[in-house]
Amino acid sequence: MSFVRDTASKVLRAGTPSRMIEGAAAKATPRRRISTGPRPPILPAPAPQLFAAPGPRRIPSFALLCTGEGPRLVLEEAPAAVALACWQLAQDAATYATADPDARPVLFASPPLWPLDAPDWTAPAHAIAAGIATQDGAAVAAAAGLLSERAEAHGLFATAVVMAEVAALLTPEDAVRALRVATLARDRGHHVAAEWWGLRAAARARRCGDWLTTVHGYARAADAMQARGAYTTAARVRRREFAAARRTGSPTVLARAAHSRFVAAVFVRDWTAADRWAGLALRLYSAGDARLPALAHDVAWLAIQRGRFASALPVLRSLLAVSFEPADRLRLAVNVARAAAPLRLRAEYERAVREAFAALDSLAYGGEAASALAALAEAACLEGETSSARLWAGQALTLATARGDAESKATARAVLGRLD
């Protein structure tokens, strides 16, 4: 991967004095001592109301998918033959997990029954029913966790996140289960829930000295904050992520945390800090690290944000030539189009657009479709293709609104505003 490191270095140096690169580690690494004492948690704004059940762990209603739209999404995604049973299972498991322990025997005086005739579902569903009947919350949590994993393997993501949430609610000190909820919620575009569960996972893990899970919890929360446009708050959480990464003693974890701080700095448009953190991440990543191409891409993305299209384009071309995963090719092709359009490289712009839509088709217009279409609309606007720009911006706005993607929504609206 030496060419990736070289090209990333060239882009950094094109906009950054060499002394800044050489001193990046010293400048970027906080000099103050990291306290080992308790810190006040960074939490989202208070919810307008709490879940009505007066249980010992009152959970904000905005953070709970299992008592909100989760069961409905389970009903929609489940195979028709078992959809009703899956919905009832999700409802009962969520009611059990969020109810006051003293009220559970009254709510479930008789064992629930769900006629699930599906090999991967029957055993854990029976285990959940048995746990509810015997008031064994740990057994219900274990079975719900297993069901979540099996649902994810079958592409039933709403079921996966609801069951993961049930397991996390019943084991309040298990940071790993909270982290799983945050990860699934983030990947499904449930950003507020992902933020809350990520911070909860970090707080739980920090208390028991599990610094790696602490890092991941803060990372999930910051990802969700960035997705919904809370860039300044996300930058604060990234600072905690980096501090926790230092406690792990792992150069790889520290490199990825520095990379995350670089991205956060770009979102708040702090170019000096972005250069500094990119330089530190470049120094910390080992030559064969799998994240090094992502850093090179992000450095090129920074160059695009600053209008340095000629610096970004060679990096993106090099990466696109050796990238094979559809999601990676989508991100690269979109940014090649964004860099080529203002440089009036018509043929390269058209190739990149075709490549981007081929990747979108293979991904079935998944989670990254909104950001890709918004960026393509921006490129088309620069290229003078107003009809394409209007079409793609409209599609991006619809998808971004559905997923709560603030950045893509803002980009799409900006393009439509320029065209009106």
Protein backbone atom coordinates (compact mmCIF):
# COMPACT_ATOMS: atom_id res chain seq x y z
CA MET A 1 0.00 0.00 0.00
CA SER A 2 2.97 2.32 -0.36
CA PHE A 3 1.33 4.18 -3.26
CA VAL A 4 -1.65 4.95 -1.02
CA ARG A 5 0.61 6.41 1.65
CA ASP A 6 2.57 8.37 -0.97
CA THR A 7 -0.50 9.82 -2.66
CA ALA A 8 -2.10 10.74 0.66
CA SER A 9 1.10 12.46 1.69
CA LYS A 10 1.20 14.42 -1.57
CA VAL A 11 -2.34 15.72 -1.09
CA LEU A 12 -1.60 16.68 2.49
CA ARG A 13 1.60 18.47 1.55
CA ALA A 14 -0.10 20.25 -1.34
CA GLY A 15 -2.17 22.24 1.13
CA THR A 16 -0.05 22.01 4.27
CA PRO A 17 3.46 23.26 5.10
CA SER A 18 5.89 20.41 5.54
CA ARG A 19 6.70 21.49 9.09
CA MET A 20 3.06 20.92 9.99
CA ILE A 21 3.27 17.33 8.73
CA GLU A 22 6.51 16.69 10.63
CA GLY A 23 5.09 18.16 13.83
CA ALA A 24 1.60 16.73 13.49
CA ALA A 25 2.00 14.11 16.18
CA ALA A 26 3.28 16.60 18.73
CA LYS A 27 0.59 19.15 17.93
CA ALA A 28 -2.33 16.74 17.63
CA THR A 29 -1.66 14.65 20.72
CA PRO A 30 -3.18 16.33 23.77
CA ARG A 31 -0.48 17.31 26.26
CA ARG A 32 -2.62 17.35 29.36
CA ARG A 33 -2.83 14.29 31.54
CA ILE A 34 -5.93 12.18 30.95
CA SER A 35 -7.79 11.84 34.22
CA THR A 36 -8.82 8.38 35.35
CA GLY A 37 -11.62 9.74 37.51
CA PRO A 38 -15.32 9.84 36.57
CA ARG A 39 -16.43 12.36 33.97
CA PRO A 40 -19.89 13.75 33.38
CA PRO A 41 -21.47 11.87 30.47
CA ILE A 42 -22.21 13.56 27.17
CA LEU A 43 -25.89 12.84 26.63
CA PRO A 44 -28.40 13.91 23.98
CA ALA A 45 -30.95 16.57 24.76
CA PRO A 46 -33.63 15.37 27.21
CA ALA A 47 -36.53 13.55 25.62
CA PRO A 48 -39.89 15.27 25.67
CA GLN A 49 -41.30 12.28 27.58
CA LEU A 50 -40.17 9.00 29.08
CA PHE A 51 -41.56 5.54 28.59
CA ALA A 52 -44.56 5.24 30.86
CA ALA A 53 -43.48 2.10 32.72
CA PRO A 54 -42.04 3.09 36.13
CA GLY A 55 -39.24 0.53 36.01
CA PRO A 56 -35.91 1.02 37.76
CA ARG A 57 -34.21 2.07 34.50
CA ARG A 58 -36.36 4.73 32.88
CA ILE A 59 -35.34 4.77 29.22
CA PRO A 60 -35.94 7.82 27.04
CA SER A 61 -38.73 7.02 24.59
CA PHE A 62 -36.78 8.54 21.69
CA ALA A 63 -34.02 5.94 22.19
CA LEU A 64 -36.31 2.91 22.17
CA LEU A 65 -37.13 1.30 18.84
CA CYS A 66 -38.70 -1.75 20.43
CA THR A 67 -41.57 0.32 21.90
CA GLY A 68 -41.81 2.68 18.94
CA GLU A 69 -41.78 1.79 15.28
CA GLY A 70 -39.70 -1.37 15.74
CA PRO A 71 -42.52 -3.95 15.93
CA ARG A 72 -44.21 -2.37 12.89
CA LEU A 73 -40.96 -2.66 10.93
CA VAL A 74 -40.67 -6.28 12.08
CA LEU A 75 -44.16 -6.95 10.73
CA GLU A 76 -43.26 -5.36 7.39
CA GLU A 77 -40.00 -7.22 6.83
CA ALA A 78 -40.88 -10.71 8.11
CA PRO A 79 -41.93 -13.47 5.68
CA ALA A 80 -45.69 -13.44 5.24
CA ALA A 81 -46.17 -16.90 6.79
CA VAL A 82 -44.68 -15.84 10.13
CA ALA A 83 -45.12 -12.05 10.03
CA LEU A 84 -47.92 -11.88 12.61
CA ALA A 85 -46.11 -14.23 14.99
CA CYS A 86 -42.88 -12.23 14.64
CA TRP A 87 -44.74 -9.02 15.36
CA GLN A 88 -46.35 -10.50 18.49
CA LEU A 89 -42.99 -11.87 19.62
CA ALA A 90 -41.40 -8.41 19.23
CA GLN A 91 -44.27 -6.74 21.09
CA ASP A 92 -44.23 -9.19 24.00
CA ALA A 93 -40.45 -9.20 24.34
CA ALA A 94 -40.36 -5.39 24.30
CA THR A 95 -43.17 -5.14 26.85
CA TYR A 96 -41.37 -7.58 29.14
CA ALA A 97 -38.01 -5.78 28.83
CA THR A 98 -39.40 -2.29 29.52
CA ALA A 99 -41.91 -3.20 32.23
CA ASP A 100 -41.30 -2.78 35.95
CA PRO A 101 -40.03 -6.15 37.30
CA ASP A 102 -42.87 -6.22 39.84
CA ALA A 103 -45.44 -5.80 37.08
CA ARG A 104 -44.10 -8.57 34.84
CA PRO A 105 -45.87 -11.48 36.60
CA VAL A 106 -49.19 -9.65 36.19
CA LEU A 107 -48.57 -8.77 32.54
CA PHE A 108 -47.54 -12.32 31.68
CA ALA A 109 -49.69 -14.48 33.96
CA SER A 110 -49.62 -17.21 31.31
CA PRO A 111 -46.72 -18.02 28.95
CA PRO A 112 -46.96 -16.29 25.58
CA LEU A 113 -47.28 -18.45 22.49
CA TRP A 114 -46.04 -17.60 19.01
CA PRO A 115 -46.63 -20.17 16.23
CA LEU A 116 -43.23 -19.77 14.60
CA ASP A 117 -42.47 -22.60 12.21
CA ALA A 118 -38.95 -21.49 11.23
CA PRO A 119 -35.87 -23.54 12.20
CA ASP A 120 -33.66 -20.58 13.11
CA TRP A 121 -36.41 -18.87 15.09
CA THR A 122 -38.26 -21.64 16.92
CA ALA A 123 -35.63 -22.48 19.57
CA PRO A 124 -34.82 -18.91 20.65
CA ALA A 125 -38.53 -17.98 20.56
CA HIS A 126 -39.33 -20.89 22.87
CA ALA A 127 -36.45 -19.84 25.13
CA ILE A 128 -37.87 -16.31 25.33
CA ALA A 129 -41.32 -17.70 26.19
CA ALA A 130 -39.81 -19.96 28.88
CA GLY A 131 -37.81 -17.08 30.33
CA ILE A 132 -40.88 -14.87 30.49
CA ALA A 133 -42.88 -17.67 32.14
CA THR A 134 -40.22 -18.20 34.82
CA GLN A 135 -39.38 -14.49 35.15
CA ASP A 136 -35.79 -15.20 34.15
CA GLY A 137 -34.62 -11.97 32.54
CA ALA A 138 -31.11 -13.29 31.86
CA ALA A 139 -32.54 -16.19 29.85
CA VAL A 140 -34.78 -13.85 27.87
CA ALA A 141 -31.78 -11.59 27.16
CA ALA A 142 -29.62 -14.50 25.96
CA ALA A 143 -32.35 -15.83 23.66
CA ALA A 144 -33.16 -12.35 22.33
CA GLY A 145 -29.47 -11.80 21.59
CA LEU A 146 -29.29 -15.09 19.68
CA LEU A 147 -32.45 -14.26 17.75
CA SER A 148 -30.98 -10.85 16.88
CA GLU A 149 -27.88 -12.46 15.39
CA ARG A 150 -29.93 -14.95 13.35
CA ALA A 151 -32.27 -12.24 12.11
CA GLU A 152 -29.31 -10.14 10.96
CA ALA A 153 -27.86 -13.14 9.13
CA HIS A 154 -31.17 -13.46 7.23
CA GLY A 155 -31.30 -9.75 6.38
CA LEU A 156 -34.13 -9.01 8.84
CA PHE A 157 -32.55 -5.89 10.25
CA ALA A 158 -35.54 -4.43 12.10
CA THR A 159 -35.96 -7.71 13.96
CA ALA A 160 -32.24 -7.75 14.66
CA VAL A 161 -32.21 -4.29 16.24
CA VAL A 162 -35.41 -4.82 18.26
CA MET A 163 -34.18 -8.10 19.74
CA ALA A 164 -30.73 -6.61 20.41
CA GLU A 165 -32.45 -3.78 22.26
CA VAL A 166 -34.47 -6.23 24.37
CA ALA A 167 -31.25 -8.05 25.32
CA ALA A 168 -29.51 -4.77 26.22
CA LEU A 169 -32.43 -3.54 28.33
CA LEU A 170 -32.45 -6.74 30.38
CA THR A 171 -28.69 -6.63 31.00
CA PRO A 172 -28.09 -2.97 31.88
CA GLU A 173 -24.41 -3.38 32.73
CA ASP A 174 -23.47 -5.21 29.52
CA ALA A 175 -21.64 -2.63 27.40
CA VAL A 176 -21.15 -5.00 24.47
CA ARG A 177 -24.91 -5.54 24.07
CA ALA A 178 -25.52 -1.79 24.20
CA LEU A 179 -22.82 -1.34 21.55
CA ARG A 180 -24.53 -3.88 19.30
CA VAL A 181 -27.78 -1.91 19.48
CA ALA A 182 -25.90 1.28 18.61
CA THR A 183 -24.21 -0.38 15.64
CA LEU A 184 -27.41 -1.87 14.24
CA ALA A 185 -29.36 1.35 14.78
CA ARG A 186 -26.65 3.42 13.07
CA ASP A 187 -26.54 1.08 10.08
CA ARG A 188 -30.33 1.28 9.74
CA GLY A 189 -30.35 5.08 9.87
CA HIS A 190 -31.91 5.33 13.35
CA HIS A 191 -29.45 8.03 14.34
CA VAL A 192 -30.98 9.27 17.59
CA ALA A 193 -31.23 5.75 19.00
CA ALA A 194 -27.70 4.96 17.80
CA GLU A 195 -26.39 8.08 19.52
CA TRP A 196 -28.05 7.26 22.83
CA TRP A 197 -27.04 3.60 22.88
CA GLY A 198 -23.49 4.41 21.79
CA LEU A 199 -23.05 6.84 24.69
CA ARG A 200 -24.62 4.31 27.05
CA ALA A 201 -22.20 1.62 25.86
CA ALA A 202 -19.25 3.97 26.34
CA ALA A 203 -20.36 4.92 29.85
CA ARG A 204 -20.85 1.29 30.88
CA ALA A 205 -17.54 0.18 29.40
CA ARG A 206 -15.60 3.07 30.90
CA ARG A 207 -16.80 2.19 34.39
CA CYS A 208 -15.26 -1.28 34.13
CA GLY A 209 -12.10 -0.20 32.31
CA ASP A 210 -13.02 -1.74 28.94
CA TRP A 211 -11.36 0.96 26.86
CA LEU A 212 -11.81 -0.70 23.48
CA THR A 213 -15.59 -0.90 23.88
CA THR A 214 -15.50 2.66 25.22
CA VAL A 215 -13.81 3.77 21.98
CA HIS A 216 -16.38 1.96 19.85
CA GLY A 217 -19.30 3.35 21.86
CA TYR A 218 -18.14 6.94 21.42
CA ALA A 219 -17.46 6.24 17.73
CA ARG A 220 -21.01 4.98 17.11
CA ALA A 221 -22.49 7.98 18.91
CA ALA A 222 -20.32 10.44 16.97
CA ASP A 223 -21.17 8.72 13.66
CA ALA A 224 -24.86 9.20 14.44
CA MET A 225 -24.36 12.83 15.48
CA GLN A 226 -22.54 13.60 12.24
CA ALA A 227 -25.28 11.92 10.23
CA ARG A 228 -27.96 14.15 11.76
CA GLY A 229 -25.85 17.30 11.42
CA ALA A 230 -24.71 17.81 15.04
CA TYR A 231 -21.11 18.37 13.96
CA THR A 232 -19.88 20.40 16.94
CA THR A 233 -21.24 17.89 19.44
CA ALA A 234 -19.77 15.05 17.39
CA ALA A 235 -16.35 16.72 17.55
CA ARG A 236 -16.61 16.79 21.36
CA VAL A 237 -17.41 13.07 21.44
CA ARG A 238 -14.50 12.37 19.06
CA ARG A 239 -12.19 13.96 21.64
CA ARG A 240 -13.39 11.43 24.20
CA GLU A 241 -13.02 8.66 21.65
CA PHE A 242 -9.39 9.66 21.11
CA ALA A 243 -8.69 9.87 24.86
CA ALA A 244 -10.13 6.38 25.35
CA ALA A 245 -8.10 5.10 22.38
CA ARG A 246 -4.92 6.26 24.11
CA ARG A 247 -5.88 4.16 27.12
CA THR A 248 -6.07 0.99 25.01
CA GLY A 249 -2.33 1.13 24.26
CA SER A 250 -3.01 0.04 20.68
CA PRO A 251 -1.40 2.10 17.87
CA THR A 252 -4.03 0.79 15.44
CA VAL A 253 -6.94 1.92 17.62
CA LEU A 254 -5.23 5.27 18.17
CA ALA A 255 -4.68 5.70 14.42
CA ARG A 256 -8.36 5.11 13.72
CA ALA A 257 -9.38 7.54 16.45
CA ALA A 258 -7.05 10.17 14.95
CA HIS A 259 -8.62 9.45 11.56
CA SER A 260 -12.06 10.03 13.09
CA ARG A 261 -10.92 13.34 14.56
CA PHE A 262 -9.71 14.35 11.11
CA VAL A 263 -13.15 13.66 9.62
CA ALA A 264 -14.83 15.55 12.49
CA ALA A 265 -12.58 18.55 11.83
CA VAL A 266 -13.57 18.53 8.15
CA PHE A 267 -17.26 18.57 9.09
CA VAL A 268 -16.77 21.68 11.24
CA ARG A 269 -14.55 23.16 8.48
CA ASP A 270 -11.50 23.54 10.72
CA TRP A 271 -8.91 23.05 7.99
CA THR A 272 -5.88 23.56 10.25
CA ALA A 273 -7.05 20.88 12.69
CA ALA A 274 -7.99 18.61 9.78
CA ASP A 275 -4.45 18.84 8.35
CA ARG A 276 -2.98 18.15 11.77
CA TRP A 277 -5.12 15.10 12.50
CA ALA A 278 -4.67 13.67 9.01
CA GLY A 279 -0.91 13.96 9.44
CA LEU A 280 -1.06 12.15 12.77
CA ALA A 281 -3.26 9.37 11.40
CA LEU A 282 -0.90 8.93 8.45
CA ARG A 283 2.03 8.53 10.85
CA LEU A 284 0.20 6.08 13.10
CA TYR A 285 -1.23 3.74 10.47
CA SER A 286 1.04 0.83 9.62
CA ALA A 287 1.97 0.27 5.98
CA GLY A 288 -0.51 -2.56 5.45
CA ASP A 289 -3.41 -1.27 7.54
CA ALA A 290 -6.76 -1.90 5.90
CA ARG A 291 -7.92 1.62 6.79
CA LEU A 292 -5.08 3.38 5.00
CA PRO A 293 -6.94 3.57 1.64
CA ALA A 294 -9.89 5.09 3.52
CA LEU A 295 -7.59 7.76 4.92
CA ALA A 296 -6.25 8.51 1.44
CA HIS A 297 -9.85 8.82 0.20
CA ASP A 298 -10.76 11.13 3.05
CA VAL A 299 -7.71 13.30 2.45
CA ALA A 300 -8.82 13.64 -1.17
CA TRP A 301 -12.33 14.43 0.09
CA LEU A 302 -10.81 17.22 2.21
CA ALA A 303 -9.05 18.56 -0.90
CA ILE A 304 -12.42 18.62 -2.72
CA GLN A 305 -14.02 20.49 0.18
CA ARG A 306 -11.28 23.11 -0.13
CA GLY A 307 -11.64 23.37 -3.91
CA ARG A 308 -8.31 21.66 -4.66
CA PHE A 309 -9.73 19.33 -7.30
CA ALA A 310 -6.49 18.80 -9.21
CA SER A 311 -4.80 17.52 -6.04
CA ALA A 312 -7.66 15.17 -5.19
CA LEU A 313 -8.20 13.56 -8.59
CA PRO A 314 -4.93 11.52 -8.88
CA VAL A 315 -5.52 9.97 -5.44
CA LEU A 316 -9.07 9.02 -6.30
CA ARG A 317 -8.05 7.55 -9.66
CA SER A 318 -5.37 5.40 -8.00
CA LEU A 319 -7.75 4.10 -5.35
CA LEU A 320 -10.57 3.40 -7.80
CA ALA A 321 -8.21 1.28 -9.92
CA VAL A 322 -7.55 -1.12 -7.01
CA SER A 323 -10.90 -1.08 -5.18
CA PHE A 324 -13.37 -3.89 -5.73
CA GLU A 325 -16.05 -3.60 -3.03
CA PRO A 326 -19.19 -1.90 -4.39
CA ALA A 327 -19.48 0.48 -1.43
CA ASP A 328 -15.85 1.58 -1.82
CA ARG A 329 -16.21 1.99 -5.56
CA LEU A 330 -19.36 4.05 -5.07
CA ARG A 331 -17.66 6.53 -2.74
CA LEU A 332 -14.62 6.81 -5.01
CA ALA A 333 -16.56 7.14 -8.26
CA VAL A 334 -18.80 9.84 -6.80
CA ASN A 335 -15.79 11.88 -5.70
CA VAL A 336 -14.02 11.36 -9.03
CA ALA A 337 -17.12 12.89 -10.66
CA ARG A 338 -17.07 15.77 -8.18
CA ALA A 339 -13.40 16.46 -8.91
CA ALA A 340 -13.59 15.98 -12.67
CA ALA A 341 -16.61 18.23 -13.26
CA PRO A 342 -15.04 21.56 -12.21
CA LEU A 343 -11.84 20.61 -14.07
CA ARG A 344 -13.93 20.22 -17.26
CA LEU A 345 -12.82 16.60 -17.74
CA ARG A 346 -16.03 15.54 -19.43
CA ALA A 347 -15.06 11.97 -20.39
CA GLU A 348 -13.77 11.17 -16.91
CA TYR A 349 -16.87 12.68 -15.32
CA GLU A 350 -19.14 10.49 -17.48
CA ARG A 351 -17.14 7.33 -16.71
CA ALA A 352 -17.33 8.09 -13.01
CA VAL A 353 -21.10 8.63 -13.13
CA ARG A 354 -21.60 5.30 -14.93
CA GLU A 355 -19.38 3.58 -12.35
CA ALA A 356 -21.30 5.18 -9.49
CA PHE A 357 -24.69 4.02 -10.78
CA ALA A 358 -23.34 0.51 -11.41
CA ALA A 359 -22.26 0.40 -7.76
CA LEU A 360 -25.62 1.79 -6.61
CA ASP A 361 -27.43 -0.94 -8.55
CA SER A 362 -25.29 -3.67 -6.98
CA LEU A 363 -25.97 -2.21 -3.52
CA ALA A 364 -29.73 -2.04 -4.25
CA TYR A 365 -29.68 1.68 -3.43
CA GLY A 366 -28.84 1.01 0.21
CA GLY A 367 -27.77 3.26 3.05
CA GLU A 368 -25.25 5.32 1.06
CA ALA A 369 -27.60 6.12 -1.80
CA ALA A 370 -28.67 9.50 -0.43
CA SER A 371 -25.14 10.86 0.00
CA ALA A 372 -24.04 9.44 -3.37
CA LEU A 373 -26.98 10.95 -5.26
CA ALA A 374 -26.55 14.30 -3.53
CA ALA A 375 -22.86 14.40 -4.49
CA LEU A 376 -23.65 13.35 -8.07
CA ALA A 377 -26.28 16.09 -8.27
CA GLU A 378 -23.66 18.59 -7.15
CA ALA A 379 -21.23 17.31 -9.80
CA ALA A 380 -23.92 17.42 -12.50
CA CYS A 381 -24.73 21.00 -11.55
CA LEU A 382 -21.06 21.95 -12.01
CA GLU A 383 -21.04 20.09 -15.33
CA GLY A 384 -24.08 22.00 -16.53
CA GLU A 385 -26.40 18.96 -16.66
CA THR A 386 -29.33 20.67 -15.01
CA SER A 387 -31.92 17.98 -15.68
CA SER A 388 -29.75 15.24 -14.16
CA ALA A 389 -28.83 17.49 -11.25
CA ARG A 390 -32.49 18.21 -10.50
CA LEU A 391 -33.48 14.53 -10.75
CA TRP A 392 -30.67 13.25 -8.55
CA ALA A 393 -31.04 16.03 -5.99
CA GLY A 394 -34.75 15.26 -5.68
CA GLN A 395 -34.08 11.56 -5.18
CA ALA A 396 -31.34 12.35 -2.65
CA LEU A 397 -33.63 14.67 -0.71
CA THR A 398 -36.32 12.00 -0.45
CA LEU A 399 -33.87 9.32 0.73
CA ALA A 400 -32.02 11.65 3.10
CA THR A 401 -35.25 12.79 4.72
CA ALA A 402 -36.30 9.18 5.30
CA ARG A 403 -32.94 8.30 6.88
CA GLY A 404 -32.37 11.53 8.81
CA ASP A 405 -29.19 12.24 6.82
CA ALA A 406 -28.64 15.95 7.46
CA GLU A 407 -25.53 16.38 5.32
CA SER A 408 -27.08 14.83 2.19
CA LYS A 409 -30.31 16.73 2.74
CA ALA A 410 -28.42 20.04 2.95
CA THR A 411 -26.42 19.24 -0.20
CA ALA A 412 -29.53 18.26 -2.16
CA ARG A 413 -31.38 21.39 -1.10
CA ALA A 414 -28.39 23.56 -2.01
CA VAL A 415 -28.32 22.06 -5.51
CA LEU A 416 -32.06 22.53 -5.97
CA GLY A 417 -31.72 26.10 -4.73
CA ARG A 418 -29.05 26.86 -7.33
CA LEU A 419 -31.23 25.41 -10.08
CA ASP A 420 -34.38 27.39 -9.16
